[in-house]
C-alpha atoms as a PDB file:
ATOM      1  CA  UNK A   1     104.456 108.658 100.037  1.00  0.00           C
ATOM      2  CA  UNK A   2     106.907 107.133 102.505  1.00  0.00           C
ATOM      3  CA  UNK A   3     104.653 104.598 104.201  1.00  0.00           C
ATOM      4  CA  UNK A   4     104.872 106.565 107.412  1.00  0.00           C
ATOM      5  CA  UNK A   5     101.452 108.026 108.185  1.00  0.00           C
ATOM      6  CA  UNK A   6     101.487 111.665 109.869  1.00  0.00           C
ATOM      7  CA  UNK A   7      99.575 113.588 107.514  1.00  0.00           C
ATOM      8  CA  UNK A   8     101.122 112.009 104.146  1.00  0.00           C
ATOM      9  CA  UNK A   9      99.146 110.416 101.245  1.00  0.00           C
ATOM     10  CA  UNK A  10     100.461 106.886 101.856  1.00  0.00           C
ATOM     11  CA  UNK A  11     100.322 103.984  98.772  1.00  0.00           C
ATOM     12  CA  UNK A  12      99.883 100.569  99.101  1.00  0.00           C
ATOM     13  CA  UNK A  13     100.612  97.630  96.169  1.00  0.00           C
ATOM     14  CA  UNK A  14     100.020  94.317  97.410  1.00  0.00           C
ATOM     15  CA  UNK A  15      99.884  92.017  94.298  1.00  0.00           C
ATOM     16  CA  UNK A  16     100.435  88.414  93.704  1.00  0.00           C
ATOM     17  CA  UNK A  17     101.317  87.641  97.159  1.00  0.00           C
ATOM     18  CA  UNK A  18     101.508  84.131  99.249  1.00  0.00           C
ATOM     19  CA  UNK A  19     100.360  84.286 103.207  1.00  0.00           C
ATOM     20  CA  UNK A  20     100.379  81.849 105.276  1.00  0.00           C
ATOM     21  CA  UNK A  21     100.973  80.838 109.041  1.00  0.00           C
ATOM     22  CA  UNK A  22     100.759  77.383 110.378  1.00  0.00           C
ATOM     23  CA  UNK A  23     102.828  77.829 112.784  1.00  0.00           C
ATOM     24  CA  UNK A  24     101.558  75.099 115.163  1.00  0.00           C
ATOM     25  CA  UNK A  25     100.853  78.151 118.331  1.00  0.00           C
ATOM     26  CA  UNK A  26      99.509  80.724 116.643  1.00  0.00           C
ATOM     27  CA  UNK A  27      97.409  82.531 119.587  1.00  0.00           C
ATOM     28  CA  UNK A  28      93.668  83.148 119.420  1.00  0.00           C
ATOM     29  CA  UNK A  29      92.906  85.533 117.135  1.00  0.00           C
ATOM     30  CA  UNK A  30      96.558  85.661 115.513  1.00  0.00           C
ATOM     31  CA  UNK A  31      97.621  84.506 112.333  1.00  0.00           C
ATOM     32  CA  UNK A  32      95.707  87.449 110.060  1.00  0.00           C
ATOM     33  CA  UNK A  33      96.609  90.656 108.127  1.00  0.00           C
ATOM     34  CA  UNK A  34      95.873  94.067 109.513  1.00  0.00           C
ATOM     35  CA  UNK A  35      96.196  96.721 107.745  1.00  0.00           C
ATOM     36  CA  UNK A  36      95.158 100.353 109.824  1.00  0.00           C
ATOM     37  CA  UNK A  37      94.540 103.684 109.007  1.00  0.00           C
ATOM     38  CA  UNK A  38      95.876 106.639 111.347  1.00  0.00           C
ATOM     39  CA  UNK A  39      93.921 109.863 112.360  1.00  0.00           C
ATOM     40  CA  UNK A  40      95.334 112.143 109.364  1.00  0.00           C
ATOM     41  CA  UNK A  41      96.604 112.153 106.132  1.00  0.00           C
ATOM     42  CA  UNK A  42      95.528 108.975 103.557  1.00  0.00           C
ATOM     43  CA  UNK A  43      95.977 105.525 102.442  1.00  0.00           C
ATOM     44  CA  UNK A  44      95.795 104.277  98.351  1.00  0.00           C
ATOM     45  CA  UNK A  45      95.578 100.841  98.399  1.00  0.00           C
ATOM     46  CA  UNK A  46      94.955  97.503  95.970  1.00  0.00           C
ATOM     47  CA  UNK A  47      95.355  94.420  97.120  1.00  0.00           C
ATOM     48  CA  UNK A  48      94.696  91.803  94.263  1.00  0.00           C
ATOM     49  CA  UNK A  49      94.859  88.030  93.463  1.00  0.00           C
ATOM     50  CA  UNK A  50      96.957  87.182  96.904  1.00  0.00           C
ATOM     51  CA  UNK A  51      96.336  83.635  99.033  1.00  0.00           C
ATOM     52  CA  UNK A  52      95.552  84.340 102.561  1.00  0.00           C
ATOM     53  CA  UNK A  53      95.473  81.437 104.572  1.00  0.00           C
ATOM     54  CA  UNK A  54      95.559  79.332 108.313  1.00  0.00           C
ATOM     55  CA  UNK A  55      95.004  82.488 110.688  1.00  0.00           C
ATOM     56  CA  UNK A  56      93.449  82.014 114.150  1.00  0.00           C
ATOM     57  CA  UNK A  57      91.060  84.535 113.863  1.00  0.00           C
ATOM     58  CA  UNK A  58      90.300  87.304 111.076  1.00  0.00           C
ATOM     59  CA  UNK A  59      91.678  86.409 108.148  1.00  0.00           C
ATOM     60  CA  UNK A  60      92.308  90.214 106.778  1.00  0.00           C
ATOM     61  CA  UNK A  61      91.160  93.350 108.376  1.00  0.00           C
ATOM     62  CA  UNK A  62      91.270  96.990 106.723  1.00  0.00           C
ATOM     63  CA  UNK A  63      90.320  99.422 109.056  1.00  0.00           C
ATOM     64  CA  UNK A  64      90.527 103.199 109.953  1.00  0.00           C
ATOM     65  CA  UNK A  65      90.813 104.398 113.207  1.00  0.00           C
ATOM     66  CA  UNK A  66      91.042 107.575 115.463  1.00  0.00           C
ATOM     67  CA  UNK A  67      88.579 110.472 114.703  1.00  0.00           C
ATOM     68  CA  UNK A  68      90.576 112.591 111.963  1.00  0.00           C
ATOM     69  CA  UNK A  69      90.261 112.751 108.847  1.00  0.00           C
ATOM     70  CA  UNK A  70      92.661 109.859 107.524  1.00  0.00           C
ATOM     71  CA  UNK A  71      91.299 108.699 104.471  1.00  0.00           C
ATOM     72  CA  UNK A  72      91.242 105.538 102.916  1.00  0.00           C
ATOM     73  CA  UNK A  73      90.276 104.427  99.056  1.00  0.00           C
ATOM     74  CA  UNK A  74      90.875 100.938  97.206  1.00  0.00           C
ATOM     75  CA  UNK A  75      90.475  98.045  96.127  1.00  0.00           C
ATOM     76  CA  UNK A  76      90.513  94.568  97.592  1.00  0.00           C
ATOM     77  CA  UNK A  77      89.621  91.972  94.872  1.00  0.00           C
ATOM     78  CA  UNK A  78      90.369  88.783  93.242  1.00  0.00           C
ATOM     79  CA  UNK A  79      91.886  87.158  96.713  1.00  0.00           C
ATOM     80  CA  UNK A  80      91.389  84.186  97.729  1.00  0.00           C
ATOM     81  CA  UNK A  81      91.545  83.470 102.157  1.00  0.00           C
ATOM     82  CA  UNK A  82      91.644  79.855 102.866  1.00  0.00           C
ATOM     83  CA  UNK A  83      91.766  76.735 100.915  1.00  0.00           C
ATOM     84  CA  UNK A  84      88.938  75.217  98.675  1.00  0.00           C
ATOM     85  CA  UNK A  85      88.208  71.928 100.575  1.00  0.00           C
ATOM     86  CA  UNK A  86      91.072  72.370 103.693  1.00  0.00           C
ATOM     87  CA  UNK A  87      89.159  72.725 106.786  1.00  0.00           C
ATOM     88  CA  UNK A  88      90.252  75.771 109.313  1.00  0.00           C
ATOM     89  CA  UNK A  89      92.871  77.048 106.275  1.00  0.00           C
ATOM     90  CA  UNK A  90      91.116  80.563 106.118  1.00  0.00           C
ATOM     91  CA  UNK A  91      89.832  82.375 109.394  1.00  0.00           C
ATOM     92  CA  UNK A  92      89.095  79.522 111.720  1.00  0.00           C
END
């Protein structure tokens, strides 16, 4: 796989990361993570044991776009969105 889409089978392993966007000027709906599929090929993913925080909108979005035969399968597990006890640290 080469991560370019275009009819190929892509693979995403995303593990043990910390993502924070606490910039003071994040646009409404911004600051989160978006993973999109295309119209042909496919994506296998494992998004595991990460921390996502400080978005202003959707914290994490995984979506298939288009009407083609693109397949998406995988795991989103053991992740943390926001920080326990910290107001507005997840998806505000």
